[in-house]
């Protein structure tokens, strides 16, 4: 079956960004001038998917409003002949068919994904974390690349990122064997293993293509870490029933839920901008020359 739907869990409080995230969803934190969540939607759109379910929670109304039309603002821009900005905001509201469901209690990523069961309608689907931006080396949508792997094997696909072997205890790590340069067949999933117990240094990187039988597995999944329903635990159940594959990331994963990564990503994206890149690079050179030695 074709992948026609995407699910974006975005219900968490974002406590690592307090106080900024007290009233502002972390997914709406801007990378230069574009909310993080918009980059995720653009990735989905490039993959040819225009049916998106976003799982949100209390205090996330700003996400809905961002992707809705604002007729008063549009009229204001028309009157002031600011047509470039008008086209920009109209494009946002026309990006995809975005549906919203509220996660009533924050019971983990697995629970958030389970809220999509009625919307998915027994089809395979892609899950994208709303606070993670993926840059591929060739500029393509990583979701598109994952869909190609799914179509080849007709089985779940996880995006994998090579991490420092000494830091595997921070991630969900997979075991298995390499099929070719980019594709890995998975035979085990371990959440935050010790360095000694890690079967590899390939970490789950915030993108998943799942089959609808994941919902039955989620219903059978007991509460795990932090007394929450963990998606990794449900995938471990599914792994016993069907083959799983991983696509190795050739590019960069930006974890916007991490303060340092958020700052780094803003700098990297600003340097790529035609309207400010040169000035930003010059500024970095200027301050770098004045930094004291470590």
C-alpha atoms as a PDB file:
ATOM      1  CA  UNK A   1       0.000   0.000   0.000  1.00  0.00           C
ATOM      2  CA  UNK A   2       1.075   3.553  -0.679  1.00  0.00           C
ATOM      3  CA  UNK A   3       2.019   5.865   2.167  1.00  0.00           C
ATOM      4  CA  UNK A   4      -0.623   8.587   2.053  1.00  0.00           C
ATOM      5  CA  UNK A   5      -0.799   9.824   5.655  1.00  0.00           C
ATOM      6  CA  UNK A   6       1.560  11.285   8.239  1.00  0.00           C
ATOM      7  CA  UNK A   7       1.287  11.626  12.014  1.00  0.00           C
ATOM      8  CA  UNK A   8       3.186  14.299  13.924  1.00  0.00           C
ATOM      9  CA  UNK A   9       3.153  13.990  17.732  1.00  0.00           C
ATOM     10  CA  UNK A  10       3.542  17.457  19.233  1.00  0.00           C
ATOM     11  CA  UNK A  11       1.831  17.322  22.613  1.00  0.00           C
ATOM     12  CA  UNK A  12       4.718  17.506  25.088  1.00  0.00           C
ATOM     13  CA  UNK A  13       5.273  20.447  27.417  1.00  0.00           C
ATOM     14  CA  UNK A  14       8.805  21.182  26.195  1.00  0.00           C
ATOM     15  CA  UNK A  15      10.036  21.710  29.741  1.00  0.00           C
ATOM     16  CA  UNK A  16      13.674  21.975  28.611  1.00  0.00           C
ATOM     17  CA  UNK A  17      12.749  25.334  27.054  1.00  0.00           C
ATOM     18  CA  UNK A  18      11.038  26.899  30.044  1.00  0.00           C
ATOM     19  CA  UNK A  19      10.199  29.693  30.502  1.00  0.00           C
ATOM     20  CA  UNK A  20       9.924  30.240  26.709  1.00  0.00           C
ATOM     21  CA  UNK A  21       7.701  27.164  26.320  1.00  0.00           C
ATOM     22  CA  UNK A  22       5.285  28.075  29.136  1.00  0.00           C
ATOM     23  CA  UNK A  23       2.839  29.636  26.670  1.00  0.00           C
ATOM     24  CA  UNK A  24       4.609  28.974  23.360  1.00  0.00           C
ATOM     25  CA  UNK A  25       4.838  25.408  21.971  1.00  0.00           C
ATOM     26  CA  UNK A  26       8.449  24.341  21.518  1.00  0.00           C
ATOM     27  CA  UNK A  27       7.507  23.241  17.990  1.00  0.00           C
ATOM     28  CA  UNK A  28       6.749  26.895  17.210  1.00  0.00           C
ATOM     29  CA  UNK A  29      10.209  28.092  18.245  1.00  0.00           C
ATOM     30  CA  UNK A  30      11.650  29.714  15.109  1.00  0.00           C
ATOM     31  CA  UNK A  31      14.666  28.688  13.106  1.00  0.00           C
ATOM     32  CA  UNK A  32      15.510  32.246  11.993  1.00  0.00           C
ATOM     33  CA  UNK A  33      11.947  33.210  11.017  1.00  0.00           C
ATOM     34  CA  UNK A  34      10.216  29.883  10.373  1.00  0.00           C
ATOM     35  CA  UNK A  35       8.689  27.702  13.112  1.00  0.00           C
ATOM     36  CA  UNK A  36      10.333  24.324  13.572  1.00  0.00           C
ATOM     37  CA  UNK A  37       7.076  22.497  12.880  1.00  0.00           C
ATOM     38  CA  UNK A  38       6.788  24.129   9.468  1.00  0.00           C
ATOM     39  CA  UNK A  39      10.054  22.515   8.346  1.00  0.00           C
ATOM     40  CA  UNK A  40       8.594  19.139   9.356  1.00  0.00           C
ATOM     41  CA  UNK A  41       5.397  19.791   7.370  1.00  0.00           C
ATOM     42  CA  UNK A  42       7.485  20.840   4.357  1.00  0.00           C
ATOM     43  CA  UNK A  43       9.397  17.553   4.550  1.00  0.00           C
ATOM     44  CA  UNK A  44       6.101  15.643   4.452  1.00  0.00           C
ATOM     45  CA  UNK A  45       4.788  17.756   1.576  1.00  0.00           C
ATOM     46  CA  UNK A  46       7.943  17.143  -0.497  1.00  0.00           C
ATOM     47  CA  UNK A  47       7.279  13.413  -0.078  1.00  0.00           C
ATOM     48  CA  UNK A  48       3.905  13.805  -1.746  1.00  0.00           C
ATOM     49  CA  UNK A  49       1.842  13.412   1.434  1.00  0.00           C
ATOM     50  CA  UNK A  50      -0.890  15.988   2.013  1.00  0.00           C
ATOM     51  CA  UNK A  51      -2.901  14.281   4.768  1.00  0.00           C
ATOM     52  CA  UNK A  52      -1.364  15.035   8.159  1.00  0.00           C
ATOM     53  CA  UNK A  53      -2.666  14.358  11.641  1.00  0.00           C
ATOM     54  CA  UNK A  54      -1.044  16.388  14.383  1.00  0.00           C
ATOM     55  CA  UNK A  55      -1.394  15.117  17.962  1.00  0.00           C
ATOM     56  CA  UNK A  56      -1.282  18.150  20.228  1.00  0.00           C
ATOM     57  CA  UNK A  57      -1.960  18.971  23.862  1.00  0.00           C
ATOM     58  CA  UNK A  58      -2.888  21.816  26.140  1.00  0.00           C
ATOM     59  CA  UNK A  59      -1.250  25.127  25.219  1.00  0.00           C
ATOM     60  CA  UNK A  60      -0.600  24.108  21.593  1.00  0.00           C
ATOM     61  CA  UNK A  61      -3.308  26.240  20.010  1.00  0.00           C
ATOM     62  CA  UNK A  62      -0.634  28.385  18.338  1.00  0.00           C
ATOM     63  CA  UNK A  63       0.235  25.457  16.046  1.00  0.00           C
ATOM     64  CA  UNK A  64      -3.349  25.280  14.782  1.00  0.00           C
ATOM     65  CA  UNK A  65      -3.460  29.029  14.249  1.00  0.00           C
ATOM     66  CA  UNK A  66      -0.162  29.054  12.357  1.00  0.00           C
ATOM     67  CA  UNK A  67      -1.498  26.687   9.693  1.00  0.00           C
ATOM     68  CA  UNK A  68      -4.924  28.342   9.520  1.00  0.00           C
ATOM     69  CA  UNK A  69      -5.701  31.437   7.468  1.00  0.00           C
ATOM     70  CA  UNK A  70      -5.599  34.880   9.068  1.00  0.00           C
ATOM     71  CA  UNK A  71      -7.901  36.998   6.912  1.00  0.00           C
ATOM     72  CA  UNK A  72      -7.306  40.191   8.894  1.00  0.00           C
ATOM     73  CA  UNK A  73      -3.529  39.921   8.437  1.00  0.00           C
ATOM     74  CA  UNK A  74      -3.952  39.100   4.740  1.00  0.00           C
ATOM     75  CA  UNK A  75      -6.112  42.184   4.239  1.00  0.00           C
ATOM     76  CA  UNK A  76      -3.579  44.336   6.085  1.00  0.00           C
ATOM     77  CA  UNK A  77      -0.770  43.101   3.845  1.00  0.00           C
ATOM     78  CA  UNK A  78      -2.884  43.715   0.732  1.00  0.00           C
ATOM     79  CA  UNK A  79      -3.630  47.295   1.770  1.00  0.00           C
ATOM     80  CA  UNK A  80       0.071  47.969   2.351  1.00  0.00           C
ATOM     81  CA  UNK A  81       1.021  46.272  -0.935  1.00  0.00           C
ATOM     82  CA  UNK A  82       3.285  43.829   0.913  1.00  0.00           C
ATOM     83  CA  UNK A  83       2.590  41.100  -1.611  1.00  0.00           C
ATOM     84  CA  UNK A  84       5.650  38.944  -0.930  1.00  0.00           C
ATOM     85  CA  UNK A  85       4.659  38.516   2.707  1.00  0.00           C
ATOM     86  CA  UNK A  86       1.041  37.925   1.656  1.00  0.00           C
ATOM     87  CA  UNK A  87       2.021  35.091  -0.669  1.00  0.00           C
ATOM     88  CA  UNK A  88       4.241  33.641   2.061  1.00  0.00           C
ATOM     89  CA  UNK A  89       1.492  33.339   4.668  1.00  0.00           C
ATOM     90  CA  UNK A  90      -1.101  32.150   2.141  1.00  0.00           C
ATOM     91  CA  UNK A  91       1.279  29.371   1.119  1.00  0.00           C
ATOM     92  CA  UNK A  92       1.481  28.188   4.740  1.00  0.00           C
ATOM     93  CA  UNK A  93      -2.272  27.659   5.052  1.00  0.00           C
ATOM     94  CA  UNK A  94      -2.380  25.818   1.701  1.00  0.00           C
ATOM     95  CA  UNK A  95       0.492  23.412   2.434  1.00  0.00           C
ATOM     96  CA  UNK A  96      -1.533  20.310   3.290  1.00  0.00           C
ATOM     97  CA  UNK A  97      -4.740  19.023   4.839  1.00  0.00           C
ATOM     98  CA  UNK A  98      -3.817  19.169   8.514  1.00  0.00           C
ATOM     99  CA  UNK A  99      -6.058  17.610  11.136  1.00  0.00           C
ATOM    100  CA  UNK A 100      -5.668  17.971  14.887  1.00  0.00           C
ATOM    101  CA  UNK A 101      -6.454  15.685  17.802  1.00  0.00           C
ATOM    102  CA  UNK A 102      -5.757  16.428  21.465  1.00  0.00           C
ATOM    103  CA  UNK A 103      -3.853  13.949  23.604  1.00  0.00           C
ATOM    104  CA  UNK A 104      -5.928  14.144  26.775  1.00  0.00           C
ATOM    105  CA  UNK A 105      -3.088  13.046  29.069  1.00  0.00           C
ATOM    106  CA  UNK A 106       0.645  13.077  28.363  1.00  0.00           C
ATOM    107  CA  UNK A 107       1.248   9.343  28.520  1.00  0.00           C
ATOM    108  CA  UNK A 108       4.224   9.085  26.189  1.00  0.00           C
ATOM    109  CA  UNK A 109       5.043   8.950  22.489  1.00  0.00           C
ATOM    110  CA  UNK A 110       3.412   5.561  22.046  1.00  0.00           C
ATOM    111  CA  UNK A 111       0.155   6.826  23.510  1.00  0.00           C
ATOM    112  CA  UNK A 112       0.287   9.890  21.223  1.00  0.00           C
ATOM    113  CA  UNK A 113       0.708   7.668  18.146  1.00  0.00           C
ATOM    114  CA  UNK A 114      -2.220   5.502  19.291  1.00  0.00           C
ATOM    115  CA  UNK A 115      -4.500   8.553  19.010  1.00  0.00           C
ATOM    116  CA  UNK A 116      -4.043   8.287  15.227  1.00  0.00           C
ATOM    117  CA  UNK A 117      -5.684   4.867  14.936  1.00  0.00           C
ATOM    118  CA  UNK A 118      -9.064   6.122  13.719  1.00  0.00           C
ATOM    119  CA  UNK A 119      -7.496   8.544  11.282  1.00  0.00           C
ATOM    120  CA  UNK A 120      -5.062   6.044   9.739  1.00  0.00           C
ATOM    121  CA  UNK A 121      -7.857   3.644   8.710  1.00  0.00           C
ATOM    122  CA  UNK A 122      -5.718   0.478   8.506  1.00  0.00           C
ATOM    123  CA  UNK A 123      -3.026   1.993   6.263  1.00  0.00           C
ATOM    124  CA  UNK A 124       0.754   2.260   6.633  1.00  0.00           C
ATOM    125  CA  UNK A 125       1.827   5.732   7.746  1.00  0.00           C
ATOM    126  CA  UNK A 126       4.835   7.868   8.583  1.00  0.00           C
ATOM    127  CA  UNK A 127       5.522   9.337  12.031  1.00  0.00           C
ATOM    128  CA  UNK A 128       7.682  12.449  12.349  1.00  0.00           C
ATOM    129  CA  UNK A 129       8.694  14.051  15.639  1.00  0.00           C
ATOM    130  CA  UNK A 130       7.604  17.667  15.592  1.00  0.00           C
ATOM    131  CA  UNK A 131      10.783  19.030  17.197  1.00  0.00           C
ATOM    132  CA  UNK A 132      13.275  17.343  14.846  1.00  0.00           C
ATOM    133  CA  UNK A 133      14.474  18.732  11.514  1.00  0.00           C
ATOM    134  CA  UNK A 134      16.339  16.472   9.093  1.00  0.00           C
ATOM    135  CA  UNK A 135      18.755  17.879   6.499  1.00  0.00           C
ATOM    136  CA  UNK A 136      19.853  15.357   3.888  1.00  0.00           C
ATOM    137  CA  UNK A 137      23.142  15.775   2.056  1.00  0.00           C
ATOM    138  CA  UNK A 138      21.401  16.098  -1.316  1.00  0.00           C
ATOM    139  CA  UNK A 139      18.487  18.244  -0.141  1.00  0.00           C
ATOM    140  CA  UNK A 140      15.813  15.585  -0.706  1.00  0.00           C
ATOM    141  CA  UNK A 141      13.055  14.787   1.780  1.00  0.00           C
ATOM    142  CA  UNK A 142      14.179  12.017   4.128  1.00  0.00           C
ATOM    143  CA  UNK A 143      10.543  10.898   4.245  1.00  0.00           C
ATOM    144  CA  UNK A 144      10.684  10.322   0.481  1.00  0.00           C
ATOM    145  CA  UNK A 145      13.786   8.157   0.901  1.00  0.00           C
ATOM    146  CA  UNK A 146      12.128   6.145   3.679  1.00  0.00           C
ATOM    147  CA  UNK A 147       9.038   5.596   1.529  1.00  0.00           C
ATOM    148  CA  UNK A 148      11.227   4.112  -1.202  1.00  0.00           C
ATOM    149  CA  UNK A 149      12.642   1.625   1.329  1.00  0.00           C
ATOM    150  CA  UNK A 150       9.137   0.773   2.512  1.00  0.00           C
ATOM    151  CA  UNK A 151       7.979   0.177  -1.046  1.00  0.00           C
ATOM    152  CA  UNK A 152      10.950  -2.120  -1.634  1.00  0.00           C
ATOM    153  CA  UNK A 153      10.376  -4.318   1.438  1.00  0.00           C
ATOM    154  CA  UNK A 154       6.717  -3.643   2.395  1.00  0.00           C
ATOM    155  CA  UNK A 155       7.788  -3.504   6.042  1.00  0.00           C
ATOM    156  CA  UNK A 156       8.290  -0.889   8.793  1.00  0.00           C
ATOM    157  CA  UNK A 157      11.243   1.473   8.350  1.00  0.00           C
ATOM    158  CA  UNK A 158      13.094   3.513  10.990  1.00  0.00           C
ATOM    159  CA  UNK A 159      15.506   6.350  10.298  1.00  0.00           C
ATOM    160  CA  UNK A 160      18.878   5.587  11.879  1.00  0.00           C
ATOM    161  CA  UNK A 161      21.737   7.910  12.798  1.00  0.00           C
ATOM    162  CA  UNK A 162      25.277   6.897  13.667  1.00  0.00           C
ATOM    163  CA  UNK A 163      26.163   8.298  17.094  1.00  0.00           C
ATOM    164  CA  UNK A 164      29.276   8.345  19.246  1.00  0.00           C
ATOM    165  CA  UNK A 165      29.604   4.774  20.631  1.00  0.00           C
ATOM    166  CA  UNK A 166      30.309   6.262  24.059  1.00  0.00           C
ATOM    167  CA  UNK A 167      26.914   8.052  24.021  1.00  0.00           C
ATOM    168  CA  UNK A 168      24.611   5.188  23.031  1.00  0.00           C
ATOM    169  CA  UNK A 169      23.003   5.229  26.490  1.00  0.00           C
ATOM    170  CA  UNK A 170      21.182   8.426  25.468  1.00  0.00           C
ATOM    171  CA  UNK A 171      19.289   6.807  22.588  1.00  0.00           C
ATOM    172  CA  UNK A 172      17.174   3.940  21.360  1.00  0.00           C
ATOM    173  CA  UNK A 173      19.695   1.655  19.627  1.00  0.00           C
ATOM    174  CA  UNK A 174      19.082  -1.056  17.031  1.00  0.00           C
ATOM    175  CA  UNK A 175      20.823  -4.343  16.369  1.00  0.00           C
ATOM    176  CA  UNK A 176      20.922  -6.308  13.139  1.00  0.00           C
ATOM    177  CA  UNK A 177      22.978  -6.398   9.976  1.00  0.00           C
ATOM    178  CA  UNK A 178      23.737  -4.185   6.998  1.00  0.00           C
ATOM    179  CA  UNK A 179      22.113  -5.053   3.660  1.00  0.00           C
ATOM    180  CA  UNK A 180      23.836  -2.342   1.652  1.00  0.00           C
ATOM    181  CA  UNK A 181      25.472   1.039   2.197  1.00  0.00           C
ATOM    182  CA  UNK A 182      22.271   2.665   3.500  1.00  0.00           C
ATOM    183  CA  UNK A 183      19.843  -0.100   4.509  1.00  0.00           C
ATOM    184  CA  UNK A 184      20.006  -2.063   7.754  1.00  0.00           C
ATOM    185  CA  UNK A 185      17.839  -5.041   8.659  1.00  0.00           C
ATOM    186  CA  UNK A 186      16.837  -4.725  12.310  1.00  0.00           C
ATOM    187  CA  UNK A 187      16.547  -7.674  14.666  1.00  0.00           C
ATOM    188  CA  UNK A 188      16.557  -5.876  18.036  1.00  0.00           C
ATOM    189  CA  UNK A 189      15.616  -2.547  19.593  1.00  0.00           C
ATOM    190  CA  UNK A 190      17.083  -1.486  22.928  1.00  0.00           C
ATOM    191  CA  UNK A 191      16.135   1.710  24.723  1.00  0.00           C
ATOM    192  CA  UNK A 192      19.185   3.517  26.140  1.00  0.00           C
ATOM    193  CA  UNK A 193      21.536   0.535  26.554  1.00  0.00           C
ATOM    194  CA  UNK A 194      24.829   0.709  28.373  1.00  0.00           C
ATOM    195  CA  UNK A 195      27.934   1.086  26.227  1.00  0.00           C
ATOM    196  CA  UNK A 196      28.766  -2.557  26.902  1.00  0.00           C
ATOM    197  CA  UNK A 197      25.299  -3.862  25.963  1.00  0.00           C
ATOM    198  CA  UNK A 198      24.681  -1.749  22.848  1.00  0.00           C
ATOM    199  CA  UNK A 199      24.405  -3.930  19.719  1.00  0.00           C
ATOM    200  CA  UNK A 200      25.536  -1.041  17.477  1.00  0.00           C
ATOM    201  CA  UNK A 201      25.903   2.729  17.431  1.00  0.00           C
ATOM    202  CA  UNK A 202      22.848   3.210  15.203  1.00  0.00           C
ATOM    203  CA  UNK A 203      20.251   5.320  17.005  1.00  0.00           C
ATOM    204  CA  UNK A 204      16.571   5.864  16.216  1.00  0.00           C
ATOM    205  CA  UNK A 205      16.394   9.349  14.692  1.00  0.00           C
ATOM    206  CA  UNK A 206      12.825  10.646  14.964  1.00  0.00           C
ATOM    207  CA  UNK A 207      11.269   9.274  11.748  1.00  0.00           C
ATOM    208  CA  UNK A 208       9.293   6.044  11.391  1.00  0.00           C
ATOM    209  CA  UNK A 209       7.170   4.296   8.771  1.00  0.00           C
ATOM    210  CA  UNK A 210       4.802   1.969  10.598  1.00  0.00           C
ATOM    211  CA  UNK A 211       2.184  -0.548   9.595  1.00  0.00           C
ATOM    212  CA  UNK A 212      -1.288  -0.408  11.181  1.00  0.00           C
ATOM    213  CA  UNK A 213      -0.656  -3.480  13.353  1.00  0.00           C
ATOM    214  CA  UNK A 214       1.459  -1.162  15.540  1.00  0.00           C
ATOM    215  CA  UNK A 215      -1.814  -0.061  17.187  1.00  0.00           C
ATOM    216  CA  UNK A 216      -2.521  -3.563  18.494  1.00  0.00           C
ATOM    217  CA  UNK A 217       1.055  -3.678  19.788  1.00  0.00           C
ATOM    218  CA  UNK A 218       0.582  -0.330  21.531  1.00  0.00           C
ATOM    219  CA  UNK A 219      -2.501  -1.688  23.284  1.00  0.00           C
ATOM    220  CA  UNK A 220      -0.402  -4.613  24.545  1.00  0.00           C
ATOM    221  CA  UNK A 221       2.481  -2.398  25.680  1.00  0.00           C
ATOM    222  CA  UNK A 222       2.793  -1.890  29.450  1.00  0.00           C
ATOM    223  CA  UNK A 223       3.905   1.416  30.825  1.00  0.00           C
ATOM    224  CA  UNK A 224       7.675   1.738  30.710  1.00  0.00           C
ATOM    225  CA  UNK A 225      10.163   4.530  31.321  1.00  0.00           C
ATOM    226  CA  UNK A 226       8.634   7.527  33.162  1.00  0.00           C
ATOM    227  CA  UNK A 227       5.433   5.443  33.577  1.00  0.00           C
ATOM    228  CA  UNK A 228       4.585   6.175  29.905  1.00  0.00           C
ATOM    229  CA  UNK A 229       3.655   4.107  26.857  1.00  0.00           C
ATOM    230  CA  UNK A 230       6.873   4.036  24.854  1.00  0.00           C
ATOM    231  CA  UNK A 231       6.765   3.650  21.077  1.00  0.00           C
ATOM    232  CA  UNK A 232      10.060   1.729  21.197  1.00  0.00           C
ATOM    233  CA  UNK A 233       8.475  -0.899  23.468  1.00  0.00           C
ATOM    234  CA  UNK A 234       5.575  -1.349  21.043  1.00  0.00           C
ATOM    235  CA  UNK A 235       7.967  -1.667  18.120  1.00  0.00           C
ATOM    236  CA  UNK A 236       9.807  -4.411  20.008  1.00  0.00           C
ATOM    237  CA  UNK A 237       6.530  -6.374  20.076  1.00  0.00           C
ATOM    238  CA  UNK A 238       5.938  -5.710  16.369  1.00  0.00           C
ATOM    239  CA  UNK A 239       9.513  -6.779  15.574  1.00  0.00           C
ATOM    240  CA  UNK A 240       8.622 -10.306  16.716  1.00  0.00           C
ATOM    241  CA  UNK A 241       5.855 -10.464  14.106  1.00  0.00           C
ATOM    242  CA  UNK A 242       7.394  -8.901  11.014  1.00  0.00           C
ATOM    243  CA  UNK A 243      10.652  -7.715   9.498  1.00  0.00           C
ATOM    244  CA  UNK A 244      11.943  -4.220  10.306  1.00  0.00           C
ATOM    245  CA  UNK A 245      14.378  -2.131   8.288  1.00  0.00           C
ATOM    246  CA  UNK A 246      16.441   0.956   8.987  1.00  0.00           C
ATOM    247  CA  UNK A 247      17.587   3.701   6.635  1.00  0.00           C
ATOM    248  CA  UNK A 248      20.921   5.205   7.623  1.00  0.00           C
ATOM    249  CA  UNK A 249      20.822   8.993   7.602  1.00  0.00           C
ATOM    250  CA  UNK A 250      23.177  10.709   5.190  1.00  0.00           C
ATOM    251  CA  UNK A 251      22.869  14.199   6.552  1.00  0.00           C
ATOM    252  CA  UNK A 252      22.217  16.040   9.795  1.00  0.00           C
ATOM    253  CA  UNK A 253      19.516  15.642  12.436  1.00  0.00           C
ATOM    254  CA  UNK A 254      18.691  18.860  14.280  1.00  0.00           C
ATOM    255  CA  UNK A 255      17.118  18.198  17.691  1.00  0.00           C
ATOM    256  CA  UNK A 256      15.276  21.442  18.378  1.00  0.00           C
ATOM    257  CA  UNK A 257      14.195  20.123  21.779  1.00  0.00           C
ATOM    258  CA  UNK A 258      17.806  20.585  22.862  1.00  0.00           C
ATOM    259  CA  UNK A 259      18.872  24.165  23.665  1.00  0.00           C
ATOM    260  CA  UNK A 260      22.381  23.868  22.275  1.00  0.00           C
ATOM    261  CA  UNK A 261      21.155  22.213  19.051  1.00  0.00           C
ATOM    262  CA  UNK A 262      18.516  24.920  18.742  1.00  0.00           C
ATOM    263  CA  UNK A 263      21.183  27.640  18.827  1.00  0.00           C
ATOM    264  CA  UNK A 264      23.459  25.750  16.422  1.00  0.00           C
ATOM    265  CA  UNK A 265      20.601  25.168  13.970  1.00  0.00           C
ATOM    266  CA  UNK A 266      19.661  28.841  13.942  1.00  0.00           C
ATOM    267  CA  UNK A 267      23.258  29.775  13.154  1.00  0.00           C
ATOM    268  CA  UNK A 268      23.568  27.164  10.384  1.00  0.00           C
ATOM    269  CA  UNK A 269      20.283  28.162   8.751  1.00  0.00           C
ATOM    270  CA  UNK A 270      21.070  31.877   9.037  1.00  0.00           C
ATOM    271  CA  UNK A 271      24.404  31.334   7.289  1.00  0.00           C
ATOM    272  CA  UNK A 272      22.586  29.669   4.370  1.00  0.00           C
ATOM    273  CA  UNK A 273      20.204  32.592   3.883  1.00  0.00           C
ATOM    274  CA  UNK A 274      20.766  34.846   0.869  1.00  0.00           C
ATOM    275  CA  UNK A 275      19.423  37.878   2.736  1.00  0.00           C
ATOM    276  CA  UNK A 276      21.716  37.567   5.755  1.00  0.00           C
ATOM    277  CA  UNK A 277      24.216  34.752   5.266  1.00  0.00           C
ATOM    278  CA  UNK A 278      27.190  36.955   4.423  1.00  0.00           C
ATOM    279  CA  UNK A 279      26.616  39.244   7.399  1.00  0.00           C
ATOM    280  CA  UNK A 280      26.169  36.317   9.773  1.00  0.00           C
ATOM    281  CA  UNK A 281      29.385  34.654   8.593  1.00  0.00           C
ATOM    282  CA  UNK A 282      31.282  37.931   8.981  1.00  0.00           C
ATOM    283  CA  UNK A 283      29.867  38.378  12.475  1.00  0.00           C
ATOM    284  CA  UNK A 284      30.967  34.864  13.476  1.00  0.00           C
ATOM    285  CA  UNK A 285      34.487  35.511  12.184  1.00  0.00           C
ATOM    286  CA  UNK A 286      34.576  38.784  14.098  1.00  0.00           C
ATOM    287  CA  UNK A 287      33.548  37.350  17.452  1.00  0.00           C
ATOM    288  CA  UNK A 288      35.637  34.194  16.934  1.00  0.00           C
ATOM    289  CA  UNK A 289      38.786  36.319  16.689  1.00  0.00           C
ATOM    290  CA  UNK A 290      38.031  37.818  20.103  1.00  0.00           C
ATOM    291  CA  UNK A 291      37.306  34.578  21.958  1.00  0.00           C
ATOM    292  CA  UNK A 292      39.794  33.741  24.717  1.00  0.00           C
ATOM    293  CA  UNK A 293      41.616  30.395  24.438  1.00  0.00           C
ATOM    294  CA  UNK A 294      39.933  27.410  26.115  1.00  0.00           C
END
